[in-house]
Amino acid sequence: MGEQAPSDHTVFNWFREFERDNFSVQDAPRSGSPSTSVNEQTIDAVRKIIEDEPHSTYQQIENILGISSTAINSIIHDYLNLRK
Protein backbone atom coordinates (compact mmCIF):
# COMPACT_ATOMS: atom_id res chain seq x y z
CA MET A 1 0.00 0.00 0.00
CA GLY A 2 1.00 3.61 -0.38
CA GLU A 3 2.64 5.76 2.28
CA GLN A 4 -0.66 7.52 3.02
CA ALA A 5 -2.58 4.29 3.66
CA PRO A 6 -3.62 3.57 7.27
CA SER A 7 -1.99 0.65 9.06
CA ASP A 8 -3.68 -2.76 9.25
CA HIS A 9 -4.22 -2.19 12.98
CA THR A 10 -6.11 1.06 12.30
CA VAL A 11 -8.29 -0.59 9.66
CA PHE A 12 -9.10 -3.49 12.03
CA ASN A 13 -10.08 -0.99 14.73
CA TRP A 14 -12.38 0.84 12.29
CA PHE A 15 -13.94 -2.45 11.22
CA ARG A 16 -14.58 -3.44 14.84
CA GLU A 17 -16.25 -0.06 15.52
CA PHE A 18 -18.38 -0.32 12.37
CA GLU A 19 -19.54 -3.76 13.48
CA ARG A 20 -20.79 -2.13 16.69
CA ASP A 21 -22.77 0.37 14.58
CA ASN A 22 -20.40 3.16 15.58
CA PHE A 23 -19.95 5.23 12.44
CA SER A 24 -18.67 8.35 14.20
CA VAL A 25 -15.53 9.83 12.70
CA GLN A 26 -14.80 11.96 15.78
CA ASP A 27 -12.00 10.99 18.16
CA ALA A 28 -13.26 9.70 21.49
CA PRO A 29 -12.01 11.41 24.66
CA ARG A 30 -8.97 9.71 26.13
CA SER A 31 -7.57 9.51 29.63
CA GLY A 32 -4.07 10.61 30.52
CA SER A 33 -2.17 13.79 29.93
CA PRO A 34 -3.42 15.95 27.11
CA SER A 35 -1.27 16.05 23.99
CA THR A 36 -0.79 19.74 24.62
CA SER A 37 0.88 19.31 28.02
CA VAL A 38 3.81 21.36 26.68
CA ASN A 39 2.38 24.85 26.55
CA GLU A 40 3.26 28.32 27.78
CA GLN A 41 1.71 27.67 31.20
CA THR A 42 3.64 24.44 31.87
CA ILE A 43 6.87 25.91 30.48
CA ASP A 44 6.56 28.83 32.92
CA ALA A 45 5.69 26.45 35.78
CA VAL A 46 8.73 24.24 35.12
CA ARG A 47 10.94 27.34 34.88
CA LYS A 48 9.66 28.60 38.26
CA ILE A 49 10.14 25.22 39.96
CA ILE A 50 13.73 25.01 38.70
CA GLU A 51 14.47 28.62 39.69
CA ASP A 52 13.05 28.05 43.20
CA GLU A 53 14.67 24.62 43.68
CA PRO A 54 17.48 23.99 41.15
CA HIS A 55 17.96 20.38 42.31
CA SER A 56 14.36 19.33 41.60
CA THR A 57 14.04 15.89 40.03
CA TYR A 58 11.85 14.98 37.08
CA GLN A 59 9.74 12.89 39.47
CA GLN A 60 9.15 15.88 41.76
CA ILE A 61 8.18 18.11 38.82
CA GLU A 62 5.97 15.33 37.45
CA ASN A 63 4.16 15.03 40.80
CA ILE A 64 3.67 18.79 41.13
CA LEU A 65 2.45 19.49 37.58
CA GLY A 66 0.94 16.16 36.58
CA ILE A 67 2.77 16.03 33.25
CA SER A 68 4.97 13.27 31.86
CA SER A 69 8.73 13.08 32.21
CA THR A 70 8.90 13.23 28.40
CA ALA A 71 7.12 16.59 28.45
CA ILE A 72 9.39 17.80 31.27
CA ASN A 73 12.48 16.74 29.32
CA SER A 74 11.22 18.57 26.24
CA ILE A 75 10.51 21.73 28.24
CA ILE A 76 13.88 21.71 30.00
CA HIS A 77 16.01 20.99 26.95
CA ASP A 78 14.01 22.31 23.96
CA TYR A 79 12.23 25.34 25.43
CA LEU A 80 14.36 26.46 28.36
CA ASN A 81 17.65 25.36 26.74
CA LEU A 82 18.98 24.09 30.05
CA ARG A 83 21.75 21.54 30.37
CA LYS A 84 23.29 19.68 33.29
C-alpha atoms as a PDB file:
ATOM      1  CA  MET A   1       0.000   0.000   0.000  1.00  0.00           C
ATOM      2  CA  GLY A   2       1.005   3.608  -0.375  1.00  0.00           C
ATOM      3  CA  GLU A   3       2.642   5.757   2.276  1.00  0.00           C
ATOM      4  CA  GLN A   4      -0.660   7.522   3.018  1.00  0.00           C
ATOM      5  CA  ALA A   5      -2.584   4.290   3.661  1.00  0.00           C
ATOM      6  CA  PRO A   6      -3.618   3.572   7.272  1.00  0.00           C
ATOM      7  CA  SER A   7      -1.993   0.650   9.056  1.00  0.00           C
ATOM      8  CA  ASP A   8      -3.677  -2.755   9.250  1.00  0.00           C
ATOM      9  CA  HIS A   9      -4.219  -2.185  12.977  1.00  0.00           C
ATOM     10  CA  THR A  10      -6.112   1.057  12.297  1.00  0.00           C
ATOM     11  CA  VAL A  11      -8.294  -0.594   9.660  1.00  0.00           C
ATOM     12  CA  PHE A  12      -9.096  -3.492  12.028  1.00  0.00           C
ATOM     13  CA  ASN A  13     -10.080  -0.990  14.729  1.00  0.00           C
ATOM     14  CA  TRP A  14     -12.375   0.837  12.294  1.00  0.00           C
ATOM     15  CA  PHE A  15     -13.943  -2.445  11.224  1.00  0.00           C
ATOM     16  CA  ARG A  16     -14.580  -3.438  14.843  1.00  0.00           C
ATOM     17  CA  GLU A  17     -16.249  -0.062  15.523  1.00  0.00           C
ATOM     18  CA  PHE A  18     -18.384  -0.316  12.371  1.00  0.00           C
ATOM     19  CA  GLU A  19     -19.545  -3.762  13.479  1.00  0.00           C
ATOM     20  CA  ARG A  20     -20.791  -2.128  16.691  1.00  0.00           C
ATOM     21  CA  ASP A  21     -22.772   0.374  14.583  1.00  0.00           C
ATOM     22  CA  ASN A  22     -20.397   3.157  15.584  1.00  0.00           C
ATOM     23  CA  PHE A  23     -19.952   5.231  12.442  1.00  0.00           C
ATOM     24  CA  SER A  24     -18.665   8.346  14.203  1.00  0.00           C
ATOM     25  CA  VAL A  25     -15.527   9.827  12.700  1.00  0.00           C
ATOM     26  CA  GLN A  26     -14.805  11.959  15.782  1.00  0.00           C
ATOM     27  CA  ASP A  27     -12.000  10.995  18.159  1.00  0.00           C
ATOM     28  CA  ALA A  28     -13.255   9.704  21.485  1.00  0.00           C
ATOM     29  CA  PRO A  29     -12.011  11.406  24.656  1.00  0.00           C
ATOM     30  CA  ARG A  30      -8.965   9.712  26.132  1.00  0.00           C
ATOM     31  CA  SER A  31      -7.571   9.508  29.630  1.00  0.00           C
ATOM     32  CA  GLY A  32      -4.072  10.611  30.516  1.00  0.00           C
ATOM     33  CA  SER A  33      -2.169  13.794  29.929  1.00  0.00           C
ATOM     34  CA  PRO A  34      -3.416  15.955  27.110  1.00  0.00           C
ATOM     35  CA  SER A  35      -1.272  16.046  23.994  1.00  0.00           C
ATOM     36  CA  THR A  36      -0.794  19.739  24.621  1.00  0.00           C
ATOM     37  CA  SER A  37       0.876  19.314  28.024  1.00  0.00           C
ATOM     38  CA  VAL A  38       3.805  21.359  26.676  1.00  0.00           C
ATOM     39  CA  ASN A  39       2.382  24.851  26.552  1.00  0.00           C
ATOM     40  CA  GLU A  40       3.260  28.316  27.781  1.00  0.00           C
ATOM     41  CA  GLN A  41       1.713  27.666  31.199  1.00  0.00           C
ATOM     42  CA  THR A  42       3.641  24.439  31.867  1.00  0.00           C
ATOM     43  CA  ILE A  43       6.872  25.908  30.479  1.00  0.00           C
ATOM     44  CA  ASP A  44       6.559  28.826  32.924  1.00  0.00           C
ATOM     45  CA  ALA A  45       5.689  26.453  35.779  1.00  0.00           C
ATOM     46  CA  VAL A  46       8.733  24.242  35.122  1.00  0.00           C
ATOM     47  CA  ARG A  47      10.942  27.342  34.876  1.00  0.00           C
ATOM     48  CA  LYS A  48       9.662  28.601  38.257  1.00  0.00           C
ATOM     49  CA  ILE A  49      10.138  25.220  39.958  1.00  0.00           C
ATOM     50  CA  ILE A  50      13.733  25.014  38.703  1.00  0.00           C
ATOM     51  CA  GLU A  51      14.472  28.624  39.695  1.00  0.00           C
ATOM     52  CA  ASP A  52      13.051  28.046  43.202  1.00  0.00           C
ATOM     53  CA  GLU A  53      14.665  24.617  43.676  1.00  0.00           C
ATOM     54  CA  PRO A  54      17.477  23.987  41.149  1.00  0.00           C
ATOM     55  CA  HIS A  55      17.960  20.382  42.308  1.00  0.00           C
ATOM     56  CA  SER A  56      14.356  19.326  41.599  1.00  0.00           C
ATOM     57  CA  THR A  57      14.036  15.894  40.030  1.00  0.00           C
ATOM     58  CA  TYR A  58      11.851  14.983  37.077  1.00  0.00           C
ATOM     59  CA  GLN A  59       9.740  12.894  39.471  1.00  0.00           C
ATOM     60  CA  GLN A  60       9.148  15.881  41.757  1.00  0.00           C
ATOM     61  CA  ILE A  61       8.175  18.111  38.824  1.00  0.00           C
ATOM     62  CA  GLU A  62       5.967  15.333  37.446  1.00  0.00           C
ATOM     63  CA  ASN A  63       4.164  15.030  40.800  1.00  0.00           C
ATOM     64  CA  ILE A  64       3.667  18.787  41.133  1.00  0.00           C
ATOM     65  CA  LEU A  65       2.452  19.494  37.584  1.00  0.00           C
ATOM     66  CA  GLY A  66       0.943  16.160  36.578  1.00  0.00           C
ATOM     67  CA  ILE A  67       2.774  16.035  33.250  1.00  0.00           C
ATOM     68  CA  SER A  68       4.971  13.270  31.856  1.00  0.00           C
ATOM     69  CA  SER A  69       8.732  13.082  32.208  1.00  0.00           C
ATOM     70  CA  THR A  70       8.895  13.227  28.400  1.00  0.00           C
ATOM     71  CA  ALA A  71       7.119  16.593  28.454  1.00  0.00           C
ATOM     72  CA  ILE A  72       9.386  17.800  31.265  1.00  0.00           C
ATOM     73  CA  ASN A  73      12.478  16.736  29.319  1.00  0.00           C
ATOM     74  CA  SER A  74      11.225  18.569  26.238  1.00  0.00           C
ATOM     75  CA  ILE A  75      10.507  21.731  28.237  1.00  0.00           C
ATOM     76  CA  ILE A  76      13.882  21.710  30.004  1.00  0.00           C
ATOM     77  CA  HIS A  77      16.008  20.989  26.945  1.00  0.00           C
ATOM     78  CA  ASP A  78      14.014  22.313  23.963  1.00  0.00           C
ATOM     79  CA  TYR A  79      12.232  25.343  25.426  1.00  0.00           C
ATOM     80  CA  LEU A  80      14.361  26.462  28.364  1.00  0.00           C
ATOM     81  CA  ASN A  81      17.649  25.364  26.736  1.00  0.00           C
ATOM     82  CA  LEU A  82      18.977  24.094  30.053  1.00  0.00           C
ATOM     83  CA  ARG A  83      21.751  21.539  30.365  1.00  0.00           C
ATOM     84  CA  LYS A  84      23.289  19.679  33.293  1.00  0.00           C
END
